[in-house]
Every structure is written in C-alpha cells, then in structure tokens.
Protein backbone atom coordinates (compact mmCIF):
# COMPACT_ATOMS: atom_id res chain seq x y z
CA MET A 1 20.79 -98.62 -15.19
CA HIS A 2 19.01 -99.38 -11.92
CA PRO A 3 19.01 -96.96 -8.95
CA THR A 4 21.88 -97.13 -6.48
CA SER A 5 22.23 -95.85 -2.92
CA LEU A 6 24.20 -92.90 -4.30
CA SER A 7 21.38 -91.95 -6.69
CA TYR A 8 18.87 -91.98 -3.81
CA ILE A 9 21.09 -89.76 -1.66
CA VAL A 10 22.02 -87.29 -4.40
CA LEU A 11 18.56 -86.84 -5.90
CA SER A 12 16.74 -86.68 -2.55
CA THR A 13 19.16 -84.09 -1.20
CA ILE A 14 18.97 -81.91 -4.32
CA ALA A 15 15.17 -82.20 -4.45
CA LEU A 16 14.90 -81.19 -0.79
CA VAL A 17 17.05 -78.07 -1.18
CA ALA A 18 15.77 -77.09 -4.64
CA SER A 19 12.11 -77.44 -3.68
CA GLY A 20 12.57 -75.13 -0.70
CA LEU A 21 14.41 -72.50 -2.72
CA THR A 22 12.20 -72.65 -5.80
CA LEU A 23 9.09 -72.14 -3.68
CA PHE A 24 10.06 -68.46 -3.64
CA SER A 25 11.14 -68.12 -7.28
CA GLY A 26 8.09 -70.00 -8.56
CA PHE A 27 10.12 -72.14 -10.97
CA GLY A 28 13.32 -74.13 -11.30
CA LEU A 29 12.71 -77.52 -9.69
CA GLY A 30 12.30 -79.31 -13.02
CA THR A 31 15.24 -77.42 -14.51
CA ILE A 32 17.49 -78.55 -11.67
CA LEU A 33 16.28 -82.15 -11.38
CA THR A 34 16.29 -83.11 -15.07
CA PRO A 35 20.08 -82.99 -15.58
CA VAL A 36 20.64 -84.74 -12.23
CA PHE A 37 18.26 -87.57 -13.16
CA ALA A 38 20.08 -87.69 -16.52
CA VAL A 39 23.32 -88.56 -14.72
CA PHE A 40 21.75 -91.84 -13.56
CA PHE A 41 19.25 -92.60 -16.36
CA PRO A 42 18.79 -92.07 -20.12
CA ILE A 43 17.46 -88.59 -20.94
CA GLU A 44 13.94 -89.74 -21.84
CA VAL A 45 13.66 -91.54 -18.50
CA ALA A 46 15.07 -88.47 -16.74
CA ILE A 47 12.42 -86.23 -18.33
CA ALA A 48 9.58 -88.59 -17.40
CA SER A 49 10.86 -88.96 -13.83
CA THR A 50 11.16 -85.20 -13.42
CA ALA A 51 7.62 -84.72 -14.73
CA VAL A 52 6.24 -86.97 -11.98
CA VAL A 53 8.15 -85.17 -9.22
CA HIS A 54 7.32 -81.72 -10.63
CA LEU A 55 3.55 -82.20 -10.91
CA SER A 56 3.32 -84.02 -7.57
CA ASN A 57 5.23 -81.23 -5.84
CA ASN A 58 3.02 -78.56 -7.40
CA LEU A 59 -0.10 -80.39 -6.19
CA PHE A 60 1.41 -80.62 -2.70
CA LYS A 61 2.13 -76.88 -2.68
CA LEU A 62 -1.37 -76.24 -4.00
CA GLY A 63 -2.84 -78.04 -0.99
CA MET A 64 -0.82 -75.84 1.38
CA LEU A 65 -1.22 -72.44 -0.28
CA TRP A 66 -4.29 -72.25 -2.54
CA ARG A 67 -6.32 -70.24 0.00
CA ARG A 68 -3.88 -67.33 -0.30
CA ALA A 69 -3.99 -67.12 -4.10
CA ASP A 70 -5.46 -64.09 -5.87
CA LEU A 71 -8.16 -65.86 -7.89
CA ALA A 72 -8.82 -62.83 -10.12
CA ILE A 73 -5.20 -62.91 -11.29
CA VAL A 74 -5.31 -66.70 -11.62
CA VAL A 75 -8.24 -66.43 -14.04
CA ARG A 76 -6.70 -63.63 -16.10
CA PHE A 77 -3.32 -65.36 -16.34
CA ALA A 78 -4.07 -69.09 -16.25
CA VAL A 79 -6.97 -69.23 -18.73
CA PRO A 80 -4.97 -67.95 -21.76
CA ALA A 81 -1.93 -69.87 -20.47
CA ALA A 82 -3.87 -73.13 -20.36
CA VAL A 83 -5.18 -72.68 -23.91
CA THR A 84 -1.80 -71.84 -25.43
CA ALA A 85 -0.04 -74.57 -23.37
CA ALA A 86 -2.08 -77.20 -25.20
CA PHE A 87 -1.14 -75.65 -28.57
CA GLY A 88 2.54 -75.45 -27.58
CA ALA A 89 2.55 -79.08 -26.50
CA MET A 90 0.96 -80.19 -29.77
CA LEU A 91 3.50 -78.14 -31.73
CA LEU A 92 6.32 -79.79 -29.78
CA THR A 93 5.21 -83.20 -31.00
CA ARG A 94 5.44 -81.88 -34.59
CA LEU A 95 8.86 -80.26 -34.12
CA SER A 96 10.51 -83.19 -32.38
CA ASN A 97 12.63 -83.88 -35.48
CA MET A 98 13.66 -80.27 -36.06
CA PRO A 99 17.42 -80.10 -36.75
CA VAL A 100 19.76 -78.79 -34.07
CA LEU A 101 21.34 -75.41 -34.92
CA ALA A 102 24.70 -76.18 -33.35
CA SER A 103 26.35 -78.59 -30.94
CA TYR A 104 29.59 -78.71 -28.97
CA VAL A 105 31.36 -80.96 -26.49
CA LEU A 106 32.39 -79.80 -23.04
CA ALA A 107 33.94 -82.06 -20.40
CA GLY A 108 33.02 -85.10 -22.47
CA ARG A 109 29.34 -84.17 -22.74
CA THR A 110 27.55 -82.93 -25.88
CA PHE A 111 25.41 -79.79 -25.65
CA GLU A 112 22.95 -78.74 -28.35
CA VAL A 113 21.68 -75.27 -29.29
CA GLU A 114 18.07 -75.20 -30.51
CA MET A 115 15.98 -72.36 -31.94
CA VAL A 116 13.10 -72.80 -29.49
CA LYS A 117 15.49 -72.57 -26.54
CA ILE A 118 17.11 -69.43 -27.94
CA VAL A 119 13.70 -67.76 -28.26
CA VAL A 120 12.52 -68.84 -24.81
CA GLY A 121 15.86 -67.94 -23.26
CA GLY A 122 15.78 -64.49 -24.87
CA LEU A 123 12.32 -63.77 -23.45
CA ILE A 124 13.34 -64.99 -20.01
CA GLY A 125 16.48 -62.84 -20.21
CA VAL A 126 14.33 -59.73 -20.76
CA PHE A 127 12.39 -60.51 -17.59
CA ALA A 128 15.67 -61.04 -15.72
CA LEU A 129 17.02 -57.65 -16.81
CA LEU A 130 13.77 -55.98 -15.73
CA GLU A 131 14.26 -57.43 -12.26
CA LEU A 132 17.97 -56.71 -11.87
CA MET A 133 18.13 -53.25 -13.51
CA PRO A 134 15.75 -50.81 -11.76
CA ALA A 135 16.34 -48.06 -14.34
CA LEU A 136 15.20 -50.35 -17.15
CA GLU A 137 12.26 -51.57 -15.12
CA GLY A 138 11.10 -47.98 -14.70
CA ARG A 139 10.89 -47.54 -18.48
CA ILE A 140 9.33 -50.93 -19.30
CA ARG A 141 7.07 -51.96 -16.44
CA PHE A 142 4.64 -54.83 -16.62
CA SER A 143 1.32 -54.55 -14.80
CA ARG A 144 -1.96 -56.41 -14.40
CA LYS A 145 -3.19 -55.22 -17.78
CA HIS A 146 -0.51 -57.35 -19.45
CA LEU A 147 -1.50 -60.56 -17.62
CA GLY A 148 -3.44 -62.05 -20.53
CA LEU A 149 -0.53 -61.65 -22.95
CA ALA A 150 2.00 -62.83 -20.36
CA GLY A 151 -0.17 -65.87 -19.62
CA ALA A 152 -0.49 -66.74 -23.30
CA LEU A 153 3.28 -66.52 -23.84
CA SER A 154 4.06 -68.46 -20.66
CA GLY A 155 1.64 -71.25 -21.50
CA PHE A 156 2.72 -71.56 -25.12
CA PHE A 157 6.44 -71.74 -24.40
CA GLY A 158 5.75 -73.97 -21.41
CA GLY A 159 3.99 -76.46 -23.64
CA LEU A 160 6.67 -76.13 -26.30
CA SER A 161 9.78 -76.32 -24.13
CA GLY A 162 8.66 -77.11 -20.58
CA ASN A 163 9.85 -73.73 -19.29
CA GLN A 164 6.67 -71.84 -18.43
CA GLY A 165 7.41 -71.04 -14.78
CA ALA A 166 10.06 -68.44 -15.48
CA LEU A 167 7.82 -66.29 -17.66
CA ARG A 168 4.99 -66.68 -15.16
CA SER A 169 7.08 -65.47 -12.22
CA GLY A 170 8.55 -62.64 -14.27
CA ALA A 171 5.04 -61.36 -14.98
CA LEU A 172 3.42 -61.94 -11.59
CA ILE A 173 6.26 -60.27 -9.68
CA HIS A 174 5.05 -56.92 -11.08
CA CYS A 175 1.44 -57.24 -9.98
CA GLY A 176 2.01 -55.67 -6.58
CA LEU A 177 1.14 -58.85 -4.69
CA GLU A 178 2.09 -59.52 -1.10
CA LYS A 179 4.83 -62.16 -0.82
CA THR A 180 2.65 -65.11 0.23
CA VAL A 181 -0.07 -64.19 -2.29
CA PHE A 182 2.55 -64.01 -5.08
CA ILE A 183 3.83 -67.50 -4.25
CA ALA A 184 0.34 -69.01 -3.85
CA THR A 185 -0.97 -67.43 -7.05
CA GLY A 186 1.99 -68.77 -9.01
CA VAL A 187 1.39 -72.28 -7.64
CA VAL A 188 -2.28 -72.30 -8.69
CA CYS A 189 -1.41 -71.01 -12.17
CA ALA A 190 1.32 -73.66 -12.50
CA VAL A 191 -1.04 -76.53 -11.72
CA VAL A 192 -3.66 -75.28 -14.19
CA VAL A 193 -1.11 -75.03 -16.99
CA ASP A 194 0.47 -78.40 -16.12
CA VAL A 195 -2.89 -80.14 -16.44
CA PHE A 196 -3.56 -78.68 -19.89
CA ARG A 197 0.00 -79.42 -20.96
CA LEU A 198 -0.52 -83.07 -20.06
CA VAL A 199 -3.59 -83.11 -22.28
CA GLY A 200 -1.62 -81.58 -25.15
CA TYR A 201 1.18 -84.14 -24.94
CA GLY A 202 -1.35 -86.98 -25.01
CA ALA A 203 -1.66 -90.14 -22.97
CA ALA A 204 0.62 -92.15 -25.25
CA PHE A 205 3.58 -89.82 -24.64
CA TYR A 206 3.42 -90.26 -20.88
CA THR A 207 2.54 -93.94 -20.92
CA GLU A 208 5.62 -94.67 -23.00
CA ASN A 209 7.98 -92.61 -20.86
CA PHE A 210 6.59 -93.72 -17.50
CA ASN A 211 6.91 -97.34 -18.60
CA ARG A 212 10.58 -96.63 -19.17
CA VAL A 213 10.86 -95.40 -15.58
CA LEU A 214 9.29 -98.64 -14.33
CA ASP A 215 11.44 -100.79 -16.62
CA THR A 216 14.62 -99.27 -15.17
CA GLY A 217 13.47 -99.78 -11.59
CA GLY A 218 13.13 -96.05 -11.05
CA ALA A 219 9.72 -96.01 -9.31
CA GLY A 220 11.26 -96.13 -5.83
CA LEU A 221 13.75 -93.40 -6.69
CA VAL A 222 11.03 -91.15 -8.09
CA GLY A 223 8.97 -91.75 -4.94
CA ALA A 224 11.87 -90.89 -2.64
CA THR A 225 12.69 -87.77 -4.66
CA THR A 226 9.05 -86.68 -4.56
CA LEU A 227 8.88 -87.07 -0.76
CA ALA A 228 12.11 -85.06 -0.43
CA ALA A 229 10.60 -82.32 -2.61
CA PHE A 230 7.48 -82.30 -0.40
CA THR A 231 9.68 -81.82 2.66
CA GLY A 232 11.58 -78.96 1.03
CA ALA A 233 8.34 -77.21 0.06
CA PHE A 234 6.94 -77.65 3.56
CA VAL A 235 10.06 -76.18 5.19
CA GLY A 236 10.12 -73.34 2.65
CA ALA A 237 6.49 -72.49 3.43
CA ARG A 238 7.36 -72.27 7.13
CA LEU A 239 10.16 -69.81 6.32
CA MET A 240 8.04 -67.48 4.16
CA LYS A 241 7.47 -65.02 7.01
CA LYS A 242 11.23 -64.50 7.34
CA VAL A 243 11.82 -63.73 3.67
CA THR A 244 11.15 -60.20 2.37
CA MET A 245 9.51 -59.41 -0.97
CA GLU A 246 12.71 -57.66 -2.03
CA ALA A 247 14.59 -60.91 -1.45
CA VAL A 248 11.99 -62.79 -3.49
CA LYS A 249 12.47 -60.31 -6.37
CA TRP A 250 16.22 -60.91 -6.35
CA ILE A 251 15.76 -64.68 -6.20
CA VAL A 252 13.44 -64.46 -9.21
CA GLY A 253 15.74 -62.10 -11.13
CA VAL A 254 18.94 -64.10 -10.65
CA SER A 255 17.16 -67.41 -11.31
CA LEU A 256 15.68 -66.01 -14.54
CA LEU A 257 19.07 -64.84 -15.76
CA LEU A 258 20.79 -68.16 -15.02
CA LEU A 259 17.99 -70.10 -16.70
CA ALA A 260 18.05 -67.82 -19.77
CA LEU A 261 21.80 -68.28 -20.21
CA GLY A 262 21.57 -72.03 -19.70
CA LEU A 263 18.85 -72.37 -22.33
CA MET A 264 20.53 -70.20 -24.94
CA VAL A 265 23.89 -72.01 -24.80
CA GLY A 266 22.33 -75.48 -24.67
CA PHE A 267 23.20 -76.41 -21.09
CA ILE A 268 19.50 -76.98 -20.35
C-alpha cells in the first residue's frame, strides 16, 4: 500500500501532538506511532518506519537539550543500560519464534498476549503505582543509588521489547532533578541506549526493514512524520517553563499505567 494524502495528514498530526506531549513523559512516541503506521502499512514496515522517526526525533531533542543533562546520572544509568540493551536485542532475535500465550479478536483485529510483554508491563505498572499512590511511594522509594540496576533493567527490556523509555522515566523521576534537567537527562540516556540497541539488532535487520519502507513508497511519509515530530518537540521545549514538575510526575505516572495495561493485554 502506497501513502495517501490521508496517511500524511493523520500521521503528521499525531506525530506533532505526541512528540510535544512525550517530551515531558520521556517516552511514548514510538508506542503511539507504531499502531498508526500499522493502519496504513504492514506491521514490519510500520515498525521500521517508527524506528526512523523515533531515533531522528531523539537526536533532534538531544541537540536542543543536551547541555542541561546531568552527566553524572547519564553515566550511572546509561552505561549499564547500553550494555544490557545489546544483550536484550540479541535475545529478541533468538526469541522471535516464541509461541504466543493467547490471542483474541476485538473489532475485527487480532491481539496477542506474549510473556515478554507481560513481564515488561508488570514492571512498568509498578513504576506507575509508585507515581500515582503517594503512600506506596513513601514505603518503596527509588533513589540515585538504584540507578545502575534501573538502567540495566531499562536497557535489557528496551532491547528485548522496544519499551525502555518507560522504565527510564520511572527511575529518573525519583532522582530529585529539576524539570528541565530531568527531561534533558532522559533524552541523552535514550540516545545512548538506542545506539547500542541498533548494534544488537544488527545491520541486516534494519537493512531488510528499511528496504520494505522504500519499496512501499513510504520514504516521503516517514520524512513528513519526522519533521512533524521535530516541530512538536520544539514547541514542547518552548512550553517547559510553564509546566510544573508535579504535572510532569502525573504525566509520567498516567502514561506508565496506560502503557503497562496496553502491553499486558496485547494492545501494544
């Protein structure tokens, strides 16, 4: 299926809005774009297209915000995350034929429940509850001393399932960072892990999928979606001064919970 005017409008609009909103949560753009791309293209093409937009947008945000990042936290979090991301990506290539636990049809579409998504979703759900239930947070509070472990888990499950941003934000939100520093630090960590994840997947994986994007005439659509994401990130960065850290915590908490539920029931 080749891109239509409707696909350009829908994907560019969603990328614009999602990129601005997910600047604060630190994750979610790929989660939102993948199913929308999948409406217009086969799933493997949708995943490859999303990967291009996601990495390009992270590099764009890196150029805007890297000076505000807490480099000490980046090192403590991103180094173990980068190492385990490569292992997670390699494991994914070995588990690609793992049987689905369950499947069901809703509104004419088939959804599949997989073990890796249940595990990742459960971990993300714990982070969500910590954000949304202050009493629970008081008993189980993450701090900077847990950054190495949090980074290792985030990187591994990011390489294995593509969902490393949620665990990263859930850990960094408890480091006592100022709002802009929290966002910038998350962006730097994301780029580091993405690079090592690319290495773990291998050149052949991306060459094959990106060729599918080109074969379906999707290069222009991916380019337009990427530019829309850039615009959303730029506008979001301009609005950072108007958003409180408390609002950022709620954005992270609610986003984590929705992502956890979506993963565990097979929607994502």
